[in-house]
Amino acid sequence: MNSLSDNMRGALLMMGSMAAFVFNDTCMKILLNDVPIFQAILLRGVLTVIALIVMSHWMGGLNFNMLRRDWALVLTRAVCEVGATYFFITALFHMPIANVTAILQVLPLTVTLTGALLFGEVLGWRRLLAILIGFVGVMIIVRPGIEGFSTYSIYALIAVVFVTARDLCVRRLSSDVSSVTIALIGAVGIVIFAAIGSLDTKWVAISGHSAALLTGATLFIIGGYLFSVMTMRMGEISFIAPFRYTSLIWALLLGFLIFGEWPDAATLIGSGIVVTMGVFTFYRERAIARIRT
């Protein structure tokens, strides 16, 4: 019962995390029409750091007394967060939100494959085949060498690499490292990066509309940070991870309603392949876990 409770809690956190990230993406995509990218990232980052500090003071949980191994993982995660933020937001500004989100759906497959390569986790031929087919789905979405191809699709793929490494870092952390601390250190890393990048940026005045978007993006990114960290540390990943794909539903809806965007048939087919292979991989992992126990 406790395990089921943890699984359901993790699933809800995963869905909340995905919704928060997509709403944040929507706010940032609108904001970038009026505000330079480094200025937008820096202002959102500063607001995020302030909000996290206030939250930690109110809720508790901020603790920098970590083992050296955990510090290394947290700092590595922060670097990955910086890389993922820059490449993803750049791709987001130049591509439809549903297309970028569709490319990110390969993340569960990359985490599974990387876990097998780096940590010796067992990967049977069925899951390996599912991962390979999933990558074919990504290539259908990206379509390198074809007229619809955008170089910013490569940016989205680079973001996938960074997010994969970020999630694997969280999985290797000790259980007593607080989620708020992890999120705060990642946010500080983004602020430092954006501050350096904004040195050559001509800043613009922030209108009331832009301020509202920044506030919304900050609230959503905090929710995304905290929920994602808590999700990776609760319940069975094979049960929880398929709920990651709810982000594509939000991206399709918001892309259509706010930006008037709808993916073409190839993108939808590629997305379907990636999602199907991802769900198969998770349930295959769950079946193997049952056999072992």
C-alpha atoms as a PDB file:
ATOM      1  CA  MET A   1       0.000   0.000   0.000  1.00  0.00           C
ATOM      2  CA  ASN A   2       2.790   2.387   0.895  1.00  0.00           C
ATOM      3  CA  SER A   3       4.518   1.594  -2.401  1.00  0.00           C
ATOM      4  CA  LEU A   4       1.300   2.258  -4.325  1.00  0.00           C
ATOM      5  CA  SER A   5       0.839   5.512  -2.436  1.00  0.00           C
ATOM      6  CA  ASP A   6       4.369   6.569  -3.341  1.00  0.00           C
ATOM      7  CA  ASN A   7       3.762   5.658  -6.985  1.00  0.00           C
ATOM      8  CA  MET A   8       0.565   7.681  -7.195  1.00  0.00           C
ATOM      9  CA  ARG A   9       2.200  10.613  -5.448  1.00  0.00           C
ATOM     10  CA  GLY A  10       5.108  10.397  -7.861  1.00  0.00           C
ATOM     11  CA  ALA A  11       2.761  10.237 -10.857  1.00  0.00           C
ATOM     12  CA  LEU A  12       0.905  13.358  -9.701  1.00  0.00           C
ATOM     13  CA  LEU A  13       4.193  15.159  -9.122  1.00  0.00           C
ATOM     14  CA  MET A  14       5.362  14.148 -12.599  1.00  0.00           C
ATOM     15  CA  MET A  15       2.194  15.491 -14.222  1.00  0.00           C
ATOM     16  CA  GLY A  16       2.443  18.678 -12.183  1.00  0.00           C
ATOM     17  CA  SER A  17       6.079  19.072 -13.168  1.00  0.00           C
ATOM     18  CA  MET A  18       5.324  18.622 -16.868  1.00  0.00           C
ATOM     19  CA  ALA A  19       2.422  21.085 -16.786  1.00  0.00           C
ATOM     20  CA  ALA A  20       4.537  23.646 -14.907  1.00  0.00           C
ATOM     21  CA  PHE A  21       7.421  23.383 -17.361  1.00  0.00           C
ATOM     22  CA  VAL A  22       5.172  23.756 -20.425  1.00  0.00           C
ATOM     23  CA  PHE A  23       3.384  26.782 -18.949  1.00  0.00           C
ATOM     24  CA  ASN A  24       6.791  28.257 -18.144  1.00  0.00           C
ATOM     25  CA  ASP A  25       7.877  27.590 -21.729  1.00  0.00           C
ATOM     26  CA  THR A  26       4.762  29.342 -22.996  1.00  0.00           C
ATOM     27  CA  CYS A  27       5.426  32.434 -20.866  1.00  0.00           C
ATOM     28  CA  MET A  28       9.061  32.554 -21.980  1.00  0.00           C
ATOM     29  CA  LYS A  29       8.228  32.080 -25.659  1.00  0.00           C
ATOM     30  CA  ILE A  30       5.866  35.063 -25.536  1.00  0.00           C
ATOM     31  CA  LEU A  31       8.319  37.114 -23.463  1.00  0.00           C
ATOM     32  CA  LEU A  32      11.211  36.594 -25.888  1.00  0.00           C
ATOM     33  CA  ASN A  33       9.342  38.597 -28.530  1.00  0.00           C
ATOM     34  CA  ASP A  34      10.037  41.731 -26.454  1.00  0.00           C
ATOM     35  CA  VAL A  35      12.999  40.890 -24.189  1.00  0.00           C
ATOM     36  CA  PRO A  36      16.494  39.610 -25.193  1.00  0.00           C
ATOM     37  CA  ILE A  37      17.102  35.986 -24.239  1.00  0.00           C
ATOM     38  CA  PHE A  38      19.888  36.549 -21.691  1.00  0.00           C
ATOM     39  CA  GLN A  39      17.990  39.390 -20.021  1.00  0.00           C
ATOM     40  CA  ALA A  40      14.872  37.211 -19.809  1.00  0.00           C
ATOM     41  CA  ILE A  41      16.784  34.229 -18.391  1.00  0.00           C
ATOM     42  CA  LEU A  42      18.636  36.436 -15.887  1.00  0.00           C
ATOM     43  CA  LEU A  43      15.522  38.211 -14.611  1.00  0.00           C
ATOM     44  CA  ARG A  44      13.602  34.959 -14.312  1.00  0.00           C
ATOM     45  CA  GLY A  45      16.600  33.386 -12.583  1.00  0.00           C
ATOM     46  CA  VAL A  46      16.928  36.197 -10.030  1.00  0.00           C
ATOM     47  CA  LEU A  47      13.220  36.023  -9.223  1.00  0.00           C
ATOM     48  CA  THR A  48      13.485  32.248  -8.939  1.00  0.00           C
ATOM     49  CA  VAL A  49      16.427  32.423  -6.514  1.00  0.00           C
ATOM     50  CA  ILE A  50      14.629  34.981  -4.344  1.00  0.00           C
ATOM     51  CA  ALA A  51      11.439  32.922  -4.319  1.00  0.00           C
ATOM     52  CA  LEU A  52      13.300  29.716  -3.441  1.00  0.00           C
ATOM     53  CA  ILE A  53      15.129  31.416  -0.553  1.00  0.00           C
ATOM     54  CA  VAL A  54      11.835  32.777   0.801  1.00  0.00           C
ATOM     55  CA  MET A  55      10.203  29.365   0.410  1.00  0.00           C
ATOM     56  CA  SER A  56      13.069  27.609   2.161  1.00  0.00           C
ATOM     57  CA  HIS A  57      12.896  30.081   5.059  1.00  0.00           C
ATOM     58  CA  TRP A  58       9.165  29.495   5.355  1.00  0.00           C
ATOM     59  CA  MET A  59       9.075  25.749   4.709  1.00  0.00           C
ATOM     60  CA  GLY A  60      12.566  24.753   5.824  1.00  0.00           C
ATOM     61  CA  GLY A  61      14.643  22.190   3.996  1.00  0.00           C
ATOM     62  CA  LEU A  62      17.573  24.327   2.842  1.00  0.00           C
ATOM     63  CA  ASN A  63      20.735  22.499   3.892  1.00  0.00           C
ATOM     64  CA  PHE A  64      24.218  22.838   2.387  1.00  0.00           C
ATOM     65  CA  ASN A  65      25.799  20.262   4.696  1.00  0.00           C
ATOM     66  CA  MET A  66      26.343  17.577   2.071  1.00  0.00           C
ATOM     67  CA  LEU A  67      28.900  14.899   1.431  1.00  0.00           C
ATOM     68  CA  ARG A  68      31.640  15.727  -1.073  1.00  0.00           C
ATOM     69  CA  ARG A  69      30.153  13.188  -3.476  1.00  0.00           C
ATOM     70  CA  ASP A  70      26.732  14.855  -3.272  1.00  0.00           C
ATOM     71  CA  TRP A  71      28.278  18.301  -3.780  1.00  0.00           C
ATOM     72  CA  ALA A  72      29.926  17.050  -6.956  1.00  0.00           C
ATOM     73  CA  LEU A  73      26.617  15.671  -8.219  1.00  0.00           C
ATOM     74  CA  VAL A  74      24.661  18.815  -7.313  1.00  0.00           C
ATOM     75  CA  LEU A  75      27.186  21.095  -9.022  1.00  0.00           C
ATOM     76  CA  THR A  76      27.280  18.837 -12.083  1.00  0.00           C
ATOM     77  CA  ARG A  77      23.500  18.956 -12.151  1.00  0.00           C
ATOM     78  CA  ALA A  78      23.638  22.770 -11.988  1.00  0.00           C
ATOM     79  CA  VAL A  79      25.966  22.887 -15.014  1.00  0.00           C
ATOM     80  CA  CYS A  80      23.582  20.582 -16.875  1.00  0.00           C
ATOM     81  CA  GLU A  81      20.673  22.824 -15.882  1.00  0.00           C
ATOM     82  CA  VAL A  82      22.482  25.813 -17.372  1.00  0.00           C
ATOM     83  CA  GLY A  83      23.172  24.012 -20.651  1.00  0.00           C
ATOM     84  CA  ALA A  84      19.637  22.670 -20.882  1.00  0.00           C
ATOM     85  CA  THR A  85      18.144  26.113 -20.203  1.00  0.00           C
ATOM     86  CA  TYR A  86      20.165  27.932 -22.843  1.00  0.00           C
ATOM     87  CA  PHE A  87      19.782  25.422 -25.643  1.00  0.00           C
ATOM     88  CA  PHE A  88      16.137  24.680 -24.920  1.00  0.00           C
ATOM     89  CA  ILE A  89      15.002  28.305 -24.681  1.00  0.00           C
ATOM     90  CA  THR A  90      16.922  29.212 -27.834  1.00  0.00           C
ATOM     91  CA  ALA A  91      15.229  26.347 -29.681  1.00  0.00           C
ATOM     92  CA  LEU A  92      11.870  27.269 -28.156  1.00  0.00           C
ATOM     93  CA  PHE A  93      12.052  30.829 -29.470  1.00  0.00           C
ATOM     94  CA  HIS A  94      12.701  29.674 -33.042  1.00  0.00           C
ATOM     95  CA  MET A  95      10.504  26.547 -33.183  1.00  0.00           C
ATOM     96  CA  PRO A  96       6.859  25.655 -32.449  1.00  0.00           C
ATOM     97  CA  ILE A  97       6.473  24.723 -28.789  1.00  0.00           C
ATOM     98  CA  ALA A  98       4.931  21.335 -29.627  1.00  0.00           C
ATOM     99  CA  ASN A  99       7.880  20.420 -31.881  1.00  0.00           C
ATOM    100  CA  VAL A 100      10.451  21.217 -29.200  1.00  0.00           C
ATOM    101  CA  THR A 101       8.431  19.363 -26.581  1.00  0.00           C
ATOM    102  CA  ALA A 102       8.078  16.381 -28.928  1.00  0.00           C
ATOM    103  CA  ILE A 103      11.858  16.115 -29.258  1.00  0.00           C
ATOM    104  CA  LEU A 104      12.159  16.144 -25.457  1.00  0.00           C
ATOM    105  CA  GLN A 105       9.907  13.093 -25.251  1.00  0.00           C
ATOM    106  CA  VAL A 106      12.952  10.948 -26.079  1.00  0.00           C
ATOM    107  CA  LEU A 107      14.338  11.730 -22.603  1.00  0.00           C
ATOM    108  CA  PRO A 108      13.113   8.550 -20.871  1.00  0.00           C
ATOM    109  CA  LEU A 109      14.787   6.488 -23.585  1.00  0.00           C
ATOM    110  CA  THR A 110      18.074   8.387 -23.288  1.00  0.00           C
ATOM    111  CA  VAL A 111      18.020   8.038 -19.490  1.00  0.00           C
ATOM    112  CA  THR A 112      17.487   4.279 -19.815  1.00  0.00           C
ATOM    113  CA  LEU A 113      20.246   3.896 -22.405  1.00  0.00           C
ATOM    114  CA  THR A 114      22.720   6.094 -20.532  1.00  0.00           C
ATOM    115  CA  GLY A 115      21.996   4.288 -17.266  1.00  0.00           C
ATOM    116  CA  ALA A 116      22.893   1.009 -18.963  1.00  0.00           C
ATOM    117  CA  LEU A 117      26.082   2.390 -20.520  1.00  0.00           C
ATOM    118  CA  LEU A 118      27.396   4.267 -17.479  1.00  0.00           C
ATOM    119  CA  PHE A 119      26.066   2.335 -14.509  1.00  0.00           C
ATOM    120  CA  GLY A 120      25.889  -1.192 -15.882  1.00  0.00           C
ATOM    121  CA  GLU A 121      22.100  -1.429 -15.606  1.00  0.00           C
ATOM    122  CA  VAL A 122      20.761  -4.449 -17.476  1.00  0.00           C
ATOM    123  CA  LEU A 123      19.250  -3.585 -20.870  1.00  0.00           C
ATOM    124  CA  GLY A 124      17.582  -6.447 -22.743  1.00  0.00           C
ATOM    125  CA  TRP A 125      17.180  -6.647 -26.492  1.00  0.00           C
ATOM    126  CA  ARG A 126      13.509  -5.621 -26.371  1.00  0.00           C
ATOM    127  CA  ARG A 127      14.224  -2.350 -24.596  1.00  0.00           C
ATOM    128  CA  LEU A 128      17.279  -1.725 -26.743  1.00  0.00           C
ATOM    129  CA  LEU A 129      15.161  -2.200 -29.862  1.00  0.00           C
ATOM    130  CA  ALA A 130      12.497   0.129 -28.423  1.00  0.00           C
ATOM    131  CA  ILE A 131      15.162   2.791 -27.808  1.00  0.00           C
ATOM    132  CA  LEU A 132      16.475   2.476 -31.374  1.00  0.00           C
ATOM    133  CA  ILE A 133      12.953   2.759 -32.802  1.00  0.00           C
ATOM    134  CA  GLY A 134      12.358   5.742 -30.523  1.00  0.00           C
ATOM    135  CA  PHE A 135      15.420   7.462 -31.949  1.00  0.00           C
ATOM    136  CA  VAL A 136      14.009   6.825 -35.432  1.00  0.00           C
ATOM    137  CA  GLY A 137      10.896   8.664 -34.261  1.00  0.00           C
ATOM    138  CA  VAL A 138      13.048  11.603 -33.183  1.00  0.00           C
ATOM    139  CA  MET A 139      14.713  11.675 -36.592  1.00  0.00           C
ATOM    140  CA  ILE A 140      11.258  11.826 -38.188  1.00  0.00           C
ATOM    141  CA  ILE A 141      10.480  14.857 -36.032  1.00  0.00           C
ATOM    142  CA  VAL A 142      13.817  16.550 -36.719  1.00  0.00           C
ATOM    143  CA  ARG A 143      14.140  15.439 -40.374  1.00  0.00           C
ATOM    144  CA  PRO A 144      17.815  16.296 -40.971  1.00  0.00           C
ATOM    145  CA  GLY A 145      18.601  17.091 -44.587  1.00  0.00           C
ATOM    146  CA  ILE A 146      14.939  17.700 -45.473  1.00  0.00           C
ATOM    147  CA  GLU A 147      13.318  21.044 -46.251  1.00  0.00           C
ATOM    148  CA  GLY A 148      11.465  21.225 -42.935  1.00  0.00           C
ATOM    149  CA  PHE A 149      14.691  20.777 -40.952  1.00  0.00           C
ATOM    150  CA  SER A 150      15.757  23.589 -38.621  1.00  0.00           C
ATOM    151  CA  THR A 151      19.224  23.954 -37.138  1.00  0.00           C
ATOM    152  CA  TYR A 152      17.460  24.770 -33.872  1.00  0.00           C
ATOM    153  CA  SER A 153      16.298  21.165 -33.792  1.00  0.00           C
ATOM    154  CA  ILE A 154      19.943  20.394 -33.000  1.00  0.00           C
ATOM    155  CA  TYR A 155      19.702  22.821 -30.084  1.00  0.00           C
ATOM    156  CA  ALA A 156      16.717  20.859 -28.773  1.00  0.00           C
ATOM    157  CA  LEU A 157      18.698  17.611 -29.081  1.00  0.00           C
ATOM    158  CA  ILE A 158      21.625  19.150 -27.185  1.00  0.00           C
ATOM    159  CA  ALA A 159      19.146  20.155 -24.480  1.00  0.00           C
ATOM    160  CA  VAL A 160      18.088  16.495 -24.305  1.00  0.00           C
ATOM    161  CA  VAL A 161      21.692  15.501 -23.583  1.00  0.00           C
ATOM    162  CA  PHE A 162      21.940  18.014 -20.742  1.00  0.00           C
ATOM    163  CA  VAL A 163      18.592  17.062 -19.208  1.00  0.00           C
ATOM    164  CA  THR A 164      19.512  13.374 -19.380  1.00  0.00           C
ATOM    165  CA  ALA A 165      22.698  14.046 -17.422  1.00  0.00           C
ATOM    166  CA  ARG A 166      20.773  16.267 -14.995  1.00  0.00           C
ATOM    167  CA  ASP A 167      18.213  13.566 -14.212  1.00  0.00           C
ATOM    168  CA  LEU A 168      20.871  10.897 -13.779  1.00  0.00           C
ATOM    169  CA  CYS A 169      22.681  13.140 -11.276  1.00  0.00           C
ATOM    170  CA  VAL A 170      19.521  13.421  -9.198  1.00  0.00           C
ATOM    171  CA  ARG A 171      19.073   9.657  -9.200  1.00  0.00           C
ATOM    172  CA  ARG A 172      22.595   9.199  -7.777  1.00  0.00           C
ATOM    173  CA  LEU A 173      22.162  11.734  -4.942  1.00  0.00           C
ATOM    174  CA  SER A 174      21.824  10.669  -1.331  1.00  0.00           C
ATOM    175  CA  SER A 175      18.239  10.640  -0.092  1.00  0.00           C
ATOM    176  CA  ASP A 176      18.932  13.229   2.626  1.00  0.00           C
ATOM    177  CA  VAL A 177      19.867  16.012   0.170  1.00  0.00           C
ATOM    178  CA  SER A 178      16.923  18.411   0.164  1.00  0.00           C
ATOM    179  CA  SER A 179      15.009  19.166  -3.028  1.00  0.00           C
ATOM    180  CA  VAL A 180      14.957  22.908  -2.283  1.00  0.00           C
ATOM    181  CA  THR A 181      18.743  22.975  -1.979  1.00  0.00           C
ATOM    182  CA  ILE A 182      19.168  21.186  -5.304  1.00  0.00           C
ATOM    183  CA  ALA A 183      16.739  23.566  -7.030  1.00  0.00           C
ATOM    184  CA  LEU A 184      18.356  26.674  -5.505  1.00  0.00           C
ATOM    185  CA  ILE A 185      21.885  25.722  -6.548  1.00  0.00           C
ATOM    186  CA  GLY A 186      20.656  25.044 -10.081  1.00  0.00           C
ATOM    187  CA  ALA A 187      18.892  28.404 -10.193  1.00  0.00           C
ATOM    188  CA  VAL A 188      22.013  30.228  -8.953  1.00  0.00           C
ATOM    189  CA  GLY A 189      24.038  28.559 -11.702  1.00  0.00           C
ATOM    190  CA  ILE A 190      21.584  29.853 -14.316  1.00  0.00           C
ATOM    191  CA  VAL A 191      21.767  33.382 -12.864  1.00  0.00           C
ATOM    192  CA  ILE A 192      25.574  33.386 -13.052  1.00  0.00           C
ATOM    193  CA  PHE A 193      25.522  32.114 -16.638  1.00  0.00           C
ATOM    194  CA  ALA A 194      22.854  34.587 -17.767  1.00  0.00           C
ATOM    195  CA  ALA A 195      24.626  37.493 -16.025  1.00  0.00           C
ATOM    196  CA  ILE A 196      27.798  36.750 -17.990  1.00  0.00           C
ATOM    197  CA  GLY A 197      25.849  36.350 -21.219  1.00  0.00           C
ATOM    198  CA  SER A 198      23.954  39.600 -20.696  1.00  0.00           C
ATOM    199  CA  LEU A 199      27.135  41.679 -20.514  1.00  0.00           C
ATOM    200  CA  ASP A 200      27.003  42.129 -24.295  1.00  0.00           C
ATOM    201  CA  THR A 201      23.211  42.402 -24.391  1.00  0.00           C
ATOM    202  CA  LYS A 202      21.369  45.683 -24.873  1.00  0.00           C
ATOM    203  CA  TRP A 203      18.725  45.624 -22.184  1.00  0.00           C
ATOM    204  CA  VAL A 204      15.171  46.826 -22.782  1.00  0.00           C
ATOM    205  CA  ALA A 205      12.610  48.329 -20.424  1.00  0.00           C
ATOM    206  CA  ILE A 206      10.208  45.814 -18.908  1.00  0.00           C
ATOM    207  CA  SER A 207       6.543  46.576 -19.571  1.00  0.00           C
ATOM    208  CA  GLY A 208       3.702  45.508 -17.305  1.00  0.00           C
ATOM    209  CA  HIS A 209       2.887  42.703 -19.739  1.00  0.00           C
ATOM    210  CA  SER A 210       6.477  41.441 -19.699  1.00  0.00           C
ATOM    211  CA  ALA A 211       6.613  41.689 -15.904  1.00  0.00           C
ATOM    212  CA  ALA A 212       3.486  39.547 -15.632  1.00  0.00           C
ATOM    213  CA  LEU A 213       5.020  36.956 -17.974  1.00  0.00           C
ATOM    214  CA  LEU A 214       8.243  36.928 -15.952  1.00  0.00           C
ATOM    215  CA  THR A 215       6.308  36.430 -12.730  1.00  0.00           C
ATOM    216  CA  GLY A 216       4.309  33.603 -14.263  1.00  0.00           C
ATOM    217  CA  ALA A 217       7.418  31.954 -15.691  1.00  0.00           C
ATOM    218  CA  THR A 218       9.113  32.188 -12.295  1.00  0.00           C
ATOM    219  CA  LEU A 219       6.229  30.555 -10.455  1.00  0.00           C
ATOM    220  CA  PHE A 220       5.967  27.783 -13.034  1.00  0.00           C
ATOM    221  CA  ILE A 221       9.704  27.102 -13.200  1.00  0.00           C
ATOM    222  CA  ILE A 222       9.865  26.814  -9.399  1.00  0.00           C
ATOM    223  CA  GLY A 223       7.052  24.302  -9.484  1.00  0.00           C
ATOM    224  CA  GLY A 224       8.794  22.448 -12.299  1.00  0.00           C
ATOM    225  CA  TYR A 225      12.129  22.395 -10.450  1.00  0.00           C
ATOM    226  CA  LEU A 226      10.744  21.133  -7.166  1.00  0.00           C
ATOM    227  CA  PHE A 227       8.285  18.641  -8.616  1.00  0.00           C
ATOM    228  CA  SER A 228      10.875  17.166 -10.984  1.00  0.00           C
ATOM    229  CA  VAL A 229      13.431  16.643  -8.227  1.00  0.00           C
ATOM    230  CA  MET A 230      10.825  15.157  -5.876  1.00  0.00           C
ATOM    231  CA  THR A 231       9.500  12.937  -8.682  1.00  0.00           C
ATOM    232  CA  MET A 232      12.886  11.380  -9.453  1.00  0.00           C
ATOM    233  CA  ARG A 233      13.213  10.374  -5.799  1.00  0.00           C
ATOM    234  CA  MET A 234       9.776   8.918  -5.112  1.00  0.00           C
ATOM    235  CA  GLY A 235       8.128   5.642  -6.114  1.00  0.00           C
ATOM    236  CA  GLU A 236       9.016   3.290  -8.951  1.00  0.00           C
ATOM    237  CA  ILE A 237      10.455   5.117 -11.929  1.00  0.00           C
ATOM    238  CA  SER A 238       8.947   2.553 -14.309  1.00  0.00           C
ATOM    239  CA  PHE A 239       5.463   3.465 -13.032  1.00  0.00           C
ATOM    240  CA  ILE A 240       5.958   7.211 -12.777  1.00  0.00           C
ATOM    241  CA  ALA A 241       7.995   7.999 -15.883  1.00  0.00           C
ATOM    242  CA  PRO A 242       5.248   7.440 -18.526  1.00  0.00           C
ATOM    243  CA  PHE A 243       3.356  10.383 -17.026  1.00  0.00           C
ATOM    244  CA  ARG A 244       6.154  12.569 -18.409  1.00  0.00           C
ATOM    245  CA  TYR A 245       4.377  12.375 -21.761  1.00  0.00           C
ATOM    246  CA  THR A 246       1.528  14.545 -20.486  1.00  0.00           C
ATOM    247  CA  SER A 247       3.791  17.487 -21.354  1.00  0.00           C
ATOM    248  CA  LEU A 248       3.140  16.827 -25.040  1.00  0.00           C
ATOM    249  CA  ILE A 249      -0.604  17.176 -24.491  1.00  0.00           C
ATOM    250  CA  TRP A 250      -0.100  20.551 -22.825  1.00  0.00           C
ATOM    251  CA  ALA A 251       2.297  21.679 -25.557  1.00  0.00           C
ATOM    252  CA  LEU A 252      -0.157  20.742 -28.307  1.00  0.00           C
ATOM    253  CA  LEU A 253      -3.027  22.560 -26.595  1.00  0.00           C
ATOM    254  CA  LEU A 254      -1.110  25.710 -25.699  1.00  0.00           C
ATOM    255  CA  GLY A 255       0.667  25.804 -29.057  1.00  0.00           C
ATOM    256  CA  PHE A 256      -2.660  25.706 -30.859  1.00  0.00           C
ATOM    257  CA  LEU A 257      -4.623  28.028 -28.567  1.00  0.00           C
ATOM    258  CA  ILE A 258      -1.945  30.693 -27.976  1.00  0.00           C
ATOM    259  CA  PHE A 259       0.392  30.552 -30.976  1.00  0.00           C
ATOM    260  CA  GLY A 260      -1.911  29.065 -33.612  1.00  0.00           C
ATOM    261  CA  GLU A 261       0.620  26.268 -34.181  1.00  0.00           C
ATOM    262  CA  TRP A 262      -0.145  22.653 -34.979  1.00  0.00           C
ATOM    263  CA  PRO A 263       2.525  20.075 -35.877  1.00  0.00           C
ATOM    264  CA  ASP A 264       2.480  18.516 -39.324  1.00  0.00           C
ATOM    265  CA  ALA A 265       1.719  14.844 -39.889  1.00  0.00           C
ATOM    266  CA  ALA A 266       5.384  13.761 -39.805  1.00  0.00           C
ATOM    267  CA  THR A 267       5.947  15.408 -36.429  1.00  0.00           C
ATOM    268  CA  LEU A 268       2.828  13.789 -34.979  1.00  0.00           C
ATOM    269  CA  ILE A 269       3.854  10.378 -36.340  1.00  0.00           C
ATOM    270  CA  GLY A 270       7.376  10.749 -34.942  1.00  0.00           C
ATOM    271  CA  SER A 271       5.961  11.854 -31.585  1.00  0.00           C
ATOM    272  CA  GLY A 272       3.658   8.846 -31.514  1.00  0.00           C
ATOM    273  CA  ILE A 273       6.575   6.505 -32.172  1.00  0.00           C
ATOM    274  CA  VAL A 274       8.695   8.060 -29.409  1.00  0.00           C
ATOM    275  CA  VAL A 275       5.875   7.998 -26.862  1.00  0.00           C
ATOM    276  CA  THR A 276       4.897   4.409 -27.711  1.00  0.00           C
ATOM    277  CA  MET A 277       8.466   3.165 -27.406  1.00  0.00           C
ATOM    278  CA  GLY A 278       8.952   5.071 -24.178  1.00  0.00           C
ATOM    279  CA  VAL A 279       5.841   3.607 -22.586  1.00  0.00           C
ATOM    280  CA  PHE A 280       6.853   0.121 -23.759  1.00  0.00           C
ATOM    281  CA  THR A 281      10.314   0.579 -22.223  1.00  0.00           C
ATOM    282  CA  PHE A 282       8.861   1.588 -18.864  1.00  0.00           C
ATOM    283  CA  TYR A 283       6.434  -1.291 -18.687  1.00  0.00           C
ATOM    284  CA  ARG A 284       9.131  -3.711 -19.815  1.00  0.00           C
ATOM    285  CA  GLU A 285      11.336  -2.475 -16.968  1.00  0.00           C
ATOM    286  CA  ARG A 286       8.455  -2.955 -14.550  1.00  0.00           C
ATOM    287  CA  ALA A 287       7.859  -6.499 -15.777  1.00  0.00           C
ATOM    288  CA  ILE A 288      11.544  -7.371 -15.359  1.00  0.00           C
ATOM    289  CA  ALA A 289      11.533  -5.910 -11.842  1.00  0.00           C
ATOM    290  CA  ARG A 290       8.572  -8.138 -10.934  1.00  0.00           C
ATOM    291  CA  ILE A 291      10.379 -11.233 -12.236  1.00  0.00           C
ATOM    292  CA  ARG A 292      13.485 -10.429 -10.187  1.00  0.00           C
ATOM    293  CA  THR A 293      11.478  -9.985  -6.997  1.00  0.00           C
END
